[in-house]
């Protein structure tokens, strides 16, 4: 009996229910490459990661007797043509992927079985027994936890048996033939220096986080100049580690606020997928309908400066350059640059979401648009639109010594910690002594902060938004100061 394991965003051996089901006997382990599989072509950084992840997974399969077979096409047509006795796969959640699974199941006629290998709980589990999926994170996370313990992670199979490829099967291709690695030019050196894609890299990243950064995570995760975050997001995005494995590993550490915060961050990923489940067009459609009438501005020069990290605001520029260089951006800085784009520049959140989709290694079909809508104010449980992050105050608070800025905006490295956050406020003498020439080797600000904030509040008022900050400030003054 030959089984088929259809692989997508689950490129691991550990805690992989679909692969484990296929491992009972001879099996084919098949990756079907389809550029339109999710309804949205992969961005450049994700393509780079996928190339490396496939190679790492092929080696891991081979080490235990399996073989990765790569084909191109429509999975609903390719997989039935292989003629296996059973086909197993991990469920996915975009509308396009769900439709492919539906067509595949129909074509298999009862020979297919799908599993949850991507989430702690699937969206519909929260709707059981007359329940509903909360649209606010805190009750969502509470309800998810109240459903009881998650299934225990399953260990990786120790031995696989690769079945022969059927003579009448579709043509297999080499990973090189997919053209995922960038060429002419190859801009990926910074990504290669920063990351080790694959299951082994994911496990090493988790161990490093638990041993060196979990203690103090609740506070330290907001400091971009320090290595205090898990950096598991791209590994989770490509299924190189399961959320159950990450969650379970944290639970074995000393309980407390740091562990709870890390678990809640995994919960935000779950929340994003619940939003995608209910709104398949999450990357295009405002979650809040009133934002359909929002008067977004048009500013090509401002958008270009933001993308290139040349806004004149060091923390914003550092974040955008980190993104371009490494395929990643610190979470606190993601909020700062997102607020700057949508509020100080008044540009549509979809422009930022598109850029992140192309440049982030962890560009996720649910988390990327949900997070952009959160910061723009149009999403579920969103930051109020009138909460406009002041990039200078945010920089002074969370990168007080300027370590993050100096790493990614080296032309400002000569400025001391008092002055590096707002060089445009300094006299020429101090700038010159540090080798900084505004408008020459570092840009002047492309927007004045008070002007941009006032313009954002006027735009919000046009769609009937409440712009009186006195009550929110009383409830959460520390956040609104930023």
Protein backbone atom coordinates (compact mmCIF):
# COMPACT_ATOMS: atom_id res chain seq x y z
CA UNK A 1 0.00 0.00 0.00
CA UNK A 2 1.56 3.29 -1.14
CA UNK A 3 0.55 6.49 0.60
CA UNK A 4 1.16 10.05 -0.54
CA UNK A 5 2.05 12.91 1.76
CA UNK A 6 1.28 16.24 0.08
CA UNK A 7 3.62 18.90 1.44
CA UNK A 8 3.05 22.65 1.53
CA UNK A 9 3.79 24.92 4.48
CA UNK A 10 4.74 21.97 6.70
CA UNK A 11 8.34 21.28 5.79
CA UNK A 12 9.38 19.31 8.86
CA UNK A 13 9.51 15.78 10.27
CA UNK A 14 8.64 16.62 13.87
CA UNK A 15 4.98 16.98 14.88
CA UNK A 16 3.83 16.51 11.29
CA UNK A 17 0.60 14.47 11.48
CA UNK A 18 0.16 14.12 7.71
CA UNK A 19 3.69 12.84 7.24
CA UNK A 20 3.36 10.52 10.21
CA UNK A 21 0.17 9.02 8.75
CA UNK A 22 1.96 8.33 5.48
CA UNK A 23 4.97 6.83 7.25
CA UNK A 24 3.18 3.58 8.12
CA UNK A 25 4.40 2.02 4.87
CA UNK A 26 5.93 2.93 1.51
CA UNK A 27 5.15 6.56 0.72
CA UNK A 28 5.73 9.40 -1.68
CA UNK A 29 6.53 12.78 -0.14
CA UNK A 30 5.45 15.29 -2.74
CA UNK A 31 5.83 19.05 -2.89
CA UNK A 32 3.58 20.52 -5.60
CA UNK A 33 4.82 23.93 -6.64
CA UNK A 34 2.01 26.21 -7.75
CA UNK A 35 2.72 29.95 -7.87
CA UNK A 36 -0.99 30.68 -7.43
CA UNK A 37 -1.61 28.14 -4.66
CA UNK A 38 -2.60 30.70 -2.03
CA UNK A 39 -4.21 33.05 -4.53
CA UNK A 40 -1.20 35.34 -4.19
CA UNK A 41 2.30 34.80 -5.66
CA UNK A 42 5.12 34.62 -3.13
CA UNK A 43 7.27 37.68 -2.57
CA UNK A 44 10.98 37.69 -3.25
CA UNK A 45 12.17 37.04 0.31
CA UNK A 46 9.68 34.19 0.78
CA UNK A 47 10.84 32.62 -2.47
CA UNK A 48 14.42 32.75 -1.22
CA UNK A 49 13.40 31.08 2.04
CA UNK A 50 11.32 28.42 0.32
CA UNK A 51 14.30 27.46 -1.86
CA UNK A 52 16.47 26.85 1.22
CA UNK A 53 13.67 25.22 3.20
CA UNK A 54 12.94 22.69 0.46
CA UNK A 55 16.62 21.77 0.23
CA UNK A 56 16.90 21.34 4.00
CA UNK A 57 13.75 19.22 4.11
CA UNK A 58 14.91 17.05 1.21
CA UNK A 59 18.11 16.31 3.13
CA UNK A 60 16.20 15.56 6.34
CA UNK A 61 13.85 13.18 4.51
CA UNK A 62 16.75 11.41 2.85
CA UNK A 63 18.50 10.91 6.20
CA UNK A 64 15.62 8.73 7.45
CA UNK A 65 14.92 6.89 4.20
CA UNK A 66 12.44 9.22 2.54
CA UNK A 67 12.71 11.22 -0.68
CA UNK A 68 11.30 14.61 -1.59
CA UNK A 69 9.69 14.65 -5.01
CA UNK A 70 8.95 18.05 -6.52
CA UNK A 71 6.42 18.60 -9.26
CA UNK A 72 4.73 21.67 -10.70
CA UNK A 73 1.04 22.17 -11.38
CA UNK A 74 -2.36 22.07 -9.75
CA UNK A 75 -2.31 19.76 -6.73
CA UNK A 76 -5.91 18.72 -7.29
CA UNK A 77 -4.88 17.30 -10.65
CA UNK A 78 -1.31 16.18 -9.96
CA UNK A 79 -1.86 14.15 -6.81
CA UNK A 80 -4.72 11.90 -8.00
CA UNK A 81 -2.59 11.03 -11.03
CA UNK A 82 -0.04 9.38 -8.73
CA UNK A 83 -2.49 6.62 -7.87
CA UNK A 84 -1.69 6.20 -4.18
CA UNK A 85 -3.94 4.23 -1.85
CA UNK A 86 -4.28 7.29 0.40
CA UNK A 87 -3.30 10.96 0.28
CA UNK A 88 -2.57 12.91 3.47
CA UNK A 89 -2.06 16.64 3.86
CA UNK A 90 -1.97 19.52 6.34
CA UNK A 91 -4.94 21.85 6.11
CA UNK A 92 -4.46 25.43 4.90
CA UNK A 93 -6.74 28.43 5.26
CA UNK A 94 -6.78 30.82 2.32
CA UNK A 95 -9.81 30.65 0.07
CA UNK A 96 -7.71 29.38 -2.85
CA UNK A 97 -6.09 26.64 -0.76
CA UNK A 98 -9.41 25.53 0.69
CA UNK A 99 -10.88 25.29 -2.80
CA UNK A 100 -7.90 23.19 -3.96
CA UNK A 101 -8.42 20.85 -1.01
CA UNK A 102 -12.12 20.56 -1.84
CA UNK A 103 -11.38 19.65 -5.47
CA UNK A 104 -8.67 17.21 -4.41
CA UNK A 105 -10.94 15.46 -1.93
CA UNK A 106 -13.62 15.12 -4.62
CA UNK A 107 -11.11 13.69 -7.10
CA UNK A 108 -9.78 11.18 -4.56
CA UNK A 109 -13.21 9.86 -3.72
CA UNK A 110 -12.59 9.08 -0.07
CA UNK A 111 -8.86 8.33 -0.31
CA UNK A 112 -7.85 11.67 1.16
CA UNK A 113 -7.41 12.76 4.77
CA UNK A 114 -6.35 16.15 6.10
CA UNK A 115 -4.86 17.14 9.45
CA UNK A 116 -4.24 20.22 11.55
CA UNK A 117 -0.51 20.80 11.54
CA UNK A 118 -0.43 24.60 11.30
CA UNK A 119 -2.43 25.97 14.24
CA UNK A 120 -3.00 25.31 17.93
CA UNK A 121 -6.74 25.33 17.26
CA UNK A 122 -8.51 25.62 13.97
CA UNK A 123 -10.96 28.51 13.54
CA UNK A 124 -14.09 26.41 13.46
CA UNK A 125 -13.21 24.74 16.76
CA UNK A 126 -14.10 27.99 18.51
CA UNK A 127 -17.61 27.84 16.99
CA UNK A 128 -18.56 24.50 18.49
CA UNK A 129 -21.39 24.10 20.98
CA UNK A 130 -23.09 27.29 19.91
CA UNK A 131 -19.97 29.34 20.47
CA UNK A 132 -18.54 32.06 18.28
CA UNK A 133 -15.13 33.37 17.35
CA UNK A 134 -14.50 36.58 19.33
CA UNK A 135 -13.39 39.58 17.28
CA UNK A 136 -11.23 40.96 20.10
CA UNK A 137 -7.97 39.23 20.99
CA UNK A 138 -8.27 38.87 24.77
CA UNK A 139 -11.62 37.02 24.76
CA UNK A 140 -10.46 35.08 21.69
CA UNK A 141 -7.36 33.84 23.50
CA UNK A 142 -9.35 33.09 26.65
CA UNK A 143 -11.89 31.03 24.72
CA UNK A 144 -9.18 29.19 22.81
CA UNK A 145 -7.46 28.23 26.07
CA UNK A 146 -10.74 27.24 27.73
CA UNK A 147 -11.26 24.52 25.12
CA UNK A 148 -8.71 22.46 27.00
CA UNK A 149 -5.13 21.33 26.39
CA UNK A 150 -3.80 21.14 22.86
CA UNK A 151 -2.90 17.82 21.30
CA UNK A 152 0.56 16.70 22.34
CA UNK A 153 3.25 17.16 19.67
CA UNK A 154 4.11 13.98 17.81
CA UNK A 155 7.76 12.92 17.52
CA UNK A 156 9.41 12.64 14.14
CA UNK A 157 9.36 9.17 12.58
CA UNK A 158 12.70 7.45 12.91
CA UNK A 159 12.43 5.58 9.62
CA UNK A 160 10.64 6.24 6.34
CA UNK A 161 10.28 4.07 3.26
CA UNK A 162 10.33 5.95 -0.04
CA UNK A 163 8.04 4.37 -2.62
CA UNK A 164 9.01 4.17 -6.27
CA UNK A 165 7.78 7.01 -8.44
CA UNK A 166 5.03 5.66 -10.71
CA UNK A 167 6.02 5.31 -14.35
CA UNK A 168 2.87 7.14 -15.43
CA UNK A 169 3.30 9.89 -12.83
CA UNK A 170 3.81 13.59 -13.66
CA UNK A 171 7.29 14.80 -14.49
CA UNK A 172 9.45 15.59 -11.47
CA UNK A 173 11.67 18.68 -11.39
CA UNK A 174 14.74 19.72 -9.47
CA UNK A 175 14.44 22.47 -6.86
CA UNK A 176 16.75 24.59 -9.03
CA UNK A 177 14.18 24.48 -11.81
CA UNK A 178 11.67 26.37 -9.65
CA UNK A 179 13.80 29.51 -9.97
CA UNK A 180 13.24 30.56 -6.37
CA UNK A 181 16.72 31.89 -5.61
CA UNK A 182 17.24 35.46 -6.89
CA UNK A 183 19.63 35.93 -9.79
CA UNK A 184 20.88 38.93 -11.74
CA UNK A 185 21.19 40.49 -9.24
CA UNK A 186 21.44 38.14 -6.29
CA UNK A 187 20.39 40.44 -3.43
CA UNK A 188 20.16 37.69 -0.79
CA UNK A 189 23.56 37.95 0.96
CA UNK A 190 22.04 39.72 3.96
CA UNK A 191 19.36 37.07 4.30
CA UNK A 192 21.92 34.27 4.14
CA UNK A 193 23.98 35.93 6.87
CA UNK A 194 20.94 36.28 9.14
CA UNK A 195 19.05 33.00 8.76
CA UNK A 196 19.30 29.22 8.63
CA UNK A 197 16.07 28.05 6.96
CA UNK A 198 14.93 24.51 7.66
CA UNK A 199 13.80 22.40 10.59
CA UNK A 200 17.26 22.21 12.17
CA UNK A 201 17.53 26.00 12.04
CA UNK A 202 14.08 26.31 13.62
CA UNK A 203 14.96 24.00 16.49
CA UNK A 204 18.23 25.80 17.10
CA UNK A 205 16.42 29.16 17.09
CA UNK A 206 13.88 27.89 19.63
CA UNK A 207 16.58 26.54 21.93
CA UNK A 208 18.54 29.77 21.75
CA UNK A 209 15.46 31.79 22.58
CA UNK A 210 14.42 29.62 25.51
CA UNK A 211 17.93 29.51 26.96
CA UNK A 212 18.96 33.12 26.44
CA UNK A 213 16.00 35.40 25.77
CA UNK A 214 12.86 34.00 27.38
CA UNK A 215 13.86 35.36 30.79
CA UNK A 216 12.82 39.01 30.55
CA UNK A 217 10.95 38.50 27.26
CA UNK A 218 7.80 40.37 28.32
CA UNK A 219 9.73 43.62 28.56
CA UNK A 220 12.75 42.88 26.40
CA UNK A 221 10.75 42.02 23.29
CA UNK A 222 10.14 45.76 22.78
CA UNK A 223 13.86 46.60 22.56
CA UNK A 224 15.04 46.35 18.94
CA UNK A 225 18.69 46.88 19.82
CA UNK A 226 18.80 43.63 21.81
CA UNK A 227 18.31 39.99 20.80
CA UNK A 228 15.27 39.41 22.99
CA UNK A 229 12.67 37.99 20.59
CA UNK A 230 12.19 34.41 19.40
CA UNK A 231 12.59 35.10 15.66
CA UNK A 232 10.56 31.98 15.02
CA UNK A 233 8.10 33.69 12.68
CA UNK A 234 9.62 32.61 9.33
CA UNK A 235 10.11 29.06 10.62
CA UNK A 236 6.45 28.95 11.68
CA UNK A 237 5.38 30.46 8.38
CA UNK A 238 7.01 27.63 6.40
CA UNK A 239 6.04 24.95 8.90
CA UNK A 240 9.61 24.13 9.89
CA UNK A 241 8.41 24.01 13.48
CA UNK A 242 4.86 23.55 14.72
CA UNK A 243 3.15 26.03 17.05
CA UNK A 244 2.37 23.12 19.38
CA UNK A 245 6.07 22.31 19.67
CA UNK A 246 6.98 25.94 20.39
CA UNK A 247 4.11 26.35 22.86
CA UNK A 248 4.91 23.09 24.63
CA UNK A 249 8.62 23.88 24.90
CA UNK A 250 7.83 27.20 26.60
CA UNK A 251 5.47 25.51 29.04
CA UNK A 252 8.35 23.39 30.31
CA UNK A 253 10.15 26.51 31.49
CA UNK A 254 9.58 28.42 34.71
CA UNK A 255 6.00 29.73 34.58
CA UNK A 256 5.42 33.43 34.78
CA UNK A 257 4.82 36.60 32.80
CA UNK A 258 7.52 35.91 30.21
CA UNK A 259 6.13 32.49 29.28
CA UNK A 260 2.59 33.86 29.24
CA UNK A 261 3.63 36.67 26.90
CA UNK A 262 5.34 34.30 24.50
CA UNK A 263 2.28 32.04 24.49
CA UNK A 264 0.07 35.06 23.80
CA UNK A 265 2.24 36.00 20.82
CA UNK A 266 1.55 32.55 19.39
CA UNK A 267 -2.07 33.36 20.19
CA UNK A 268 -1.95 36.49 18.00
CA UNK A 269 -0.96 34.26 15.09
CA UNK A 270 -4.03 32.12 15.83
CA UNK A 271 -6.18 35.25 16.01
CA UNK A 272 -4.92 36.38 12.61
CA UNK A 273 -5.91 33.05 11.06
CA UNK A 274 -9.36 33.30 12.60
CA UNK A 275 -9.74 36.69 10.87
CA UNK A 276 -8.56 35.25 7.55
CA UNK A 277 -11.03 32.39 7.94
CA UNK A 278 -13.90 34.87 8.23
CA UNK A 279 -12.57 37.38 5.69
CA UNK A 280 -10.74 35.63 2.82
CA UNK A 281 -9.83 39.00 1.25
CA UNK A 282 -8.08 40.22 4.40
CA UNK A 283 -5.12 41.61 2.43
CA UNK A 284 -7.41 43.75 0.24
CA UNK A 285 -10.60 44.41 2.18
CA UNK A 286 -10.90 46.63 5.25
CA UNK A 287 -12.10 44.63 8.23
CA UNK A 288 -13.90 47.78 9.40
CA UNK A 289 -16.23 48.89 6.55
CA UNK A 290 -16.09 52.54 7.52
CA UNK A 291 -12.47 52.63 6.36
CA UNK A 292 -13.73 52.03 2.82
CA UNK A 293 -14.40 55.78 2.74
CA UNK A 294 -11.07 56.79 4.27
CA UNK A 295 -9.36 59.61 2.31
CA UNK A 296 -5.94 58.03 1.77
CA UNK A 297 -3.36 60.34 0.22
CA UNK A 298 -1.25 59.80 -2.89
CA UNK A 299 2.47 60.47 -2.38
CA UNK A 300 4.82 58.48 -4.62
CA UNK A 301 7.90 60.31 -3.36
CA UNK A 302 6.95 59.67 0.27
CA UNK A 303 6.28 55.98 -0.40
CA UNK A 304 9.63 55.60 -2.15
CA UNK A 305 11.48 57.30 0.72
CA UNK A 306 9.73 55.05 3.23
CA UNK A 307 10.60 51.90 1.29
CA UNK A 308 14.26 52.91 0.98
CA UNK A 309 14.66 53.96 4.62
CA UNK A 310 15.21 57.61 3.79
CA UNK A 311 12.43 59.37 5.69
CA UNK A 312 14.70 61.46 7.92
CA UNK A 313 13.44 59.68 11.05
CA UNK A 314 16.19 57.30 12.22
CA UNK A 315 14.07 54.59 13.87
CA UNK A 316 11.84 54.39 10.79
CA UNK A 317 14.82 54.29 8.46
CA UNK A 318 16.59 51.67 10.58
CA UNK A 319 13.54 49.42 10.42
CA UNK A 320 13.10 49.73 6.68
CA UNK A 321 16.78 49.05 6.07
CA UNK A 322 16.75 46.06 8.42
CA UNK A 323 13.84 44.72 6.38
CA UNK A 324 15.60 45.19 3.05
CA UNK A 325 18.90 43.76 4.29
CA UNK A 326 17.74 40.82 6.40
CA UNK A 327 14.18 40.03 5.32
CA UNK A 328 13.00 40.75 8.85
CA UNK A 329 11.97 43.67 11.05
CA UNK A 330 11.67 43.85 14.82
CA UNK A 331 8.03 43.75 15.94
CA UNK A 332 8.06 47.07 17.83
CA UNK A 333 9.59 48.76 14.81
CA UNK A 334 6.97 47.21 12.52
CA UNK A 335 4.35 49.14 14.50
CA UNK A 336 6.36 52.35 14.27
CA UNK A 337 6.96 52.19 10.52
CA UNK A 338 3.36 51.09 9.91
CA UNK A 339 1.99 54.01 11.88
CA UNK A 340 4.34 56.39 10.09
CA UNK A 341 3.16 55.22 6.66
CA UNK A 342 -0.56 55.18 7.36
CA UNK A 343 -0.79 58.18 9.66
CA UNK A 344 2.07 60.65 9.23
CA UNK A 345 2.16 60.04 5.47
CA UNK A 346 -1.53 59.16 5.19
CA UNK A 347 -0.88 56.31 2.73
CA UNK A 348 -3.10 53.26 2.30
CA UNK A 349 -2.13 50.35 4.55
CA UNK A 350 -2.29 48.04 1.51
CA UNK A 351 0.82 49.74 0.08
CA UNK A 352 2.74 48.80 3.21
CA UNK A 353 1.29 45.32 3.34
CA UNK A 354 2.34 44.71 -0.28
CA UNK A 355 5.89 45.87 0.45
CA UNK A 356 6.18 43.67 3.51
CA UNK A 357 4.74 40.75 1.51
CA UNK A 358 7.59 41.08 -0.96
CA UNK A 359 10.43 41.76 1.48
CA UNK A 360 9.65 39.76 4.64
CA UNK A 361 10.85 36.18 5.01
CA UNK A 362 7.94 35.65 7.39
CA UNK A 363 5.32 37.18 5.07
CA UNK A 364 2.30 35.22 6.23
CA UNK A 365 -1.09 35.13 4.51
CA UNK A 366 -2.90 35.88 7.79
CA UNK A 367 -0.48 37.71 10.09
CA UNK A 368 0.81 40.19 7.51
CA UNK A 369 -2.54 41.75 6.52
CA UNK A 370 -4.04 41.40 10.01
CA UNK A 371 -1.10 43.26 11.54
CA UNK A 372 -1.21 46.01 8.93
CA UNK A 373 -4.91 46.49 9.47
CA UNK A 374 -4.29 46.57 13.23
CA UNK A 375 -1.78 49.40 13.00
CA UNK A 376 -3.84 51.30 10.43
CA UNK A 377 -6.93 51.18 12.62
CA UNK A 378 -9.07 49.36 10.05
CA UNK A 379 -8.68 45.89 11.52
CA UNK A 380 -10.16 43.74 14.28
CA UNK A 381 -9.18 44.78 17.80
CA UNK A 382 -7.14 47.48 16.09
CA UNK A 383 -5.08 50.25 17.59
CA UNK A 384 -7.34 53.32 17.52
CA UNK A 385 -6.61 55.42 14.46
CA UNK A 386 -5.94 58.43 16.66
CA UNK A 387 -3.06 56.58 18.33
CA UNK A 388 -0.25 57.94 16.20
CA UNK A 389 3.17 56.60 17.15
CA UNK A 390 5.66 59.44 17.47
CA UNK A 391 8.83 57.91 15.97
CA UNK A 392 11.17 60.12 17.99
CA UNK A 393 9.54 59.31 21.33
CA UNK A 394 9.34 55.63 20.41
CA UNK A 395 13.01 55.65 19.50
CA UNK A 396 14.04 57.37 22.72
CA UNK A 397 12.01 54.93 24.78
CA UNK A 398 12.81 51.61 23.11
CA UNK A 399 16.26 52.22 21.56
CA UNK A 400 17.53 54.62 24.20
CA UNK A 401 21.23 54.07 23.48
CA UNK A 402 20.71 54.06 19.71
CA UNK A 403 22.21 50.59 19.17
CA UNK A 404 19.57 49.58 16.64
CA UNK A 405 19.85 52.82 14.72
CA UNK A 406 23.65 52.63 14.58
CA UNK A 407 23.51 49.12 13.16
CA UNK A 408 21.22 49.97 10.26
CA UNK A 409 21.80 53.70 9.78
CA UNK A 410 25.60 53.83 10.12
CA UNK A 411 25.83 57.40 8.80
CA UNK A 412 24.43 58.51 12.17
CA UNK A 413 26.79 56.38 14.27
CA UNK A 414 28.83 59.39 15.32
CA UNK A 415 25.89 60.96 17.17
CA UNK A 416 25.56 60.24 20.87
CA UNK A 417 22.52 58.64 22.46
CA UNK A 418 20.93 62.00 23.30
CA UNK A 419 20.96 63.23 19.72
CA UNK A 420 20.71 60.20 17.45
CA UNK A 421 16.91 59.97 17.59
CA UNK A 422 16.23 63.37 15.96
CA UNK A 423 19.27 64.71 14.08
CA UNK A 424 17.09 67.34 12.36
CA UNK A 425 16.79 69.14 15.70
CA UNK A 426 20.54 69.56 16.14
CA UNK A 427 22.66 72.63 15.40
CA UNK A 428 25.02 72.43 12.45
CA UNK A 429 28.05 72.31 14.75
CA UNK A 430 26.99 69.05 16.42
CA UNK A 431 25.99 67.49 13.11
CA UNK A 432 29.27 68.43 11.48
CA UNK A 433 31.30 67.03 14.38
CA UNK A 434 29.53 63.69 13.89
CA UNK A 435 30.03 63.71 10.10
CA UNK A 436 26.32 64.21 9.40
CA UNK A 437 25.15 66.50 6.61
CA UNK A 438 21.40 66.73 6.41
CA UNK A 439 20.20 66.59 2.86
CA UNK A 440 23.57 65.19 1.76
CA UNK A 441 24.44 61.94 3.56
CA UNK A 442 21.24 61.72 5.61
CA UNK A 443 17.85 63.06 4.52
CA UNK A 444 15.86 65.80 6.13
CA UNK A 445 12.42 64.70 7.42
CA UNK A 446 9.93 64.14 4.62
CA UNK A 447 7.01 65.21 6.83
CA UNK A 448 6.72 67.33 9.96
CA UNK A 449 5.37 65.18 12.79
CA UNK A 450 2.74 67.55 14.18
CA UNK A 451 1.52 68.35 10.68
CA UNK A 452 1.22 64.69 9.73
CA UNK A 453 -0.56 63.82 12.96
CA UNK A 454 -3.06 66.66 12.61
CA UNK A 455 -3.76 65.66 9.00
CA UNK A 456 -4.35 62.05 10.10
CA UNK A 457 -6.86 63.12 12.74
CA UNK A 458 -8.72 65.30 10.26
CA UNK A 459 -8.94 62.37 7.85
CA UNK A 460 -10.22 60.11 10.61
CA UNK A 461 -12.87 62.67 11.52
CA UNK A 462 -14.10 62.59 7.91
CA UNK A 463 -15.28 58.99 8.36
CA UNK A 464 -16.89 59.74 11.70
CA UNK A 465 -13.99 58.68 13.90
CA UNK A 466 -13.61 59.85 17.48
CA UNK A 467 -10.43 61.91 17.81
CA UNK A 468 -10.75 63.02 21.44
CA UNK A 469 -7.79 61.35 23.12
CA UNK A 470 -8.48 62.43 26.68
CA UNK A 471 -10.36 59.30 27.77
CA UNK A 472 -8.08 56.78 26.01
CA UNK A 473 -5.05 58.62 27.41
CA UNK A 474 -6.43 58.26 30.91
CA UNK A 475 -6.88 54.51 30.37
CA UNK A 476 -3.53 53.91 28.74
CA UNK A 477 -1.35 56.97 29.05
CA UNK A 478 1.92 55.10 28.65
CA UNK A 479 0.98 53.85 25.17
CA UNK A 480 -0.56 57.11 24.00
CA UNK A 481 2.53 59.09 24.93
CA UNK A 482 4.31 57.25 22.13
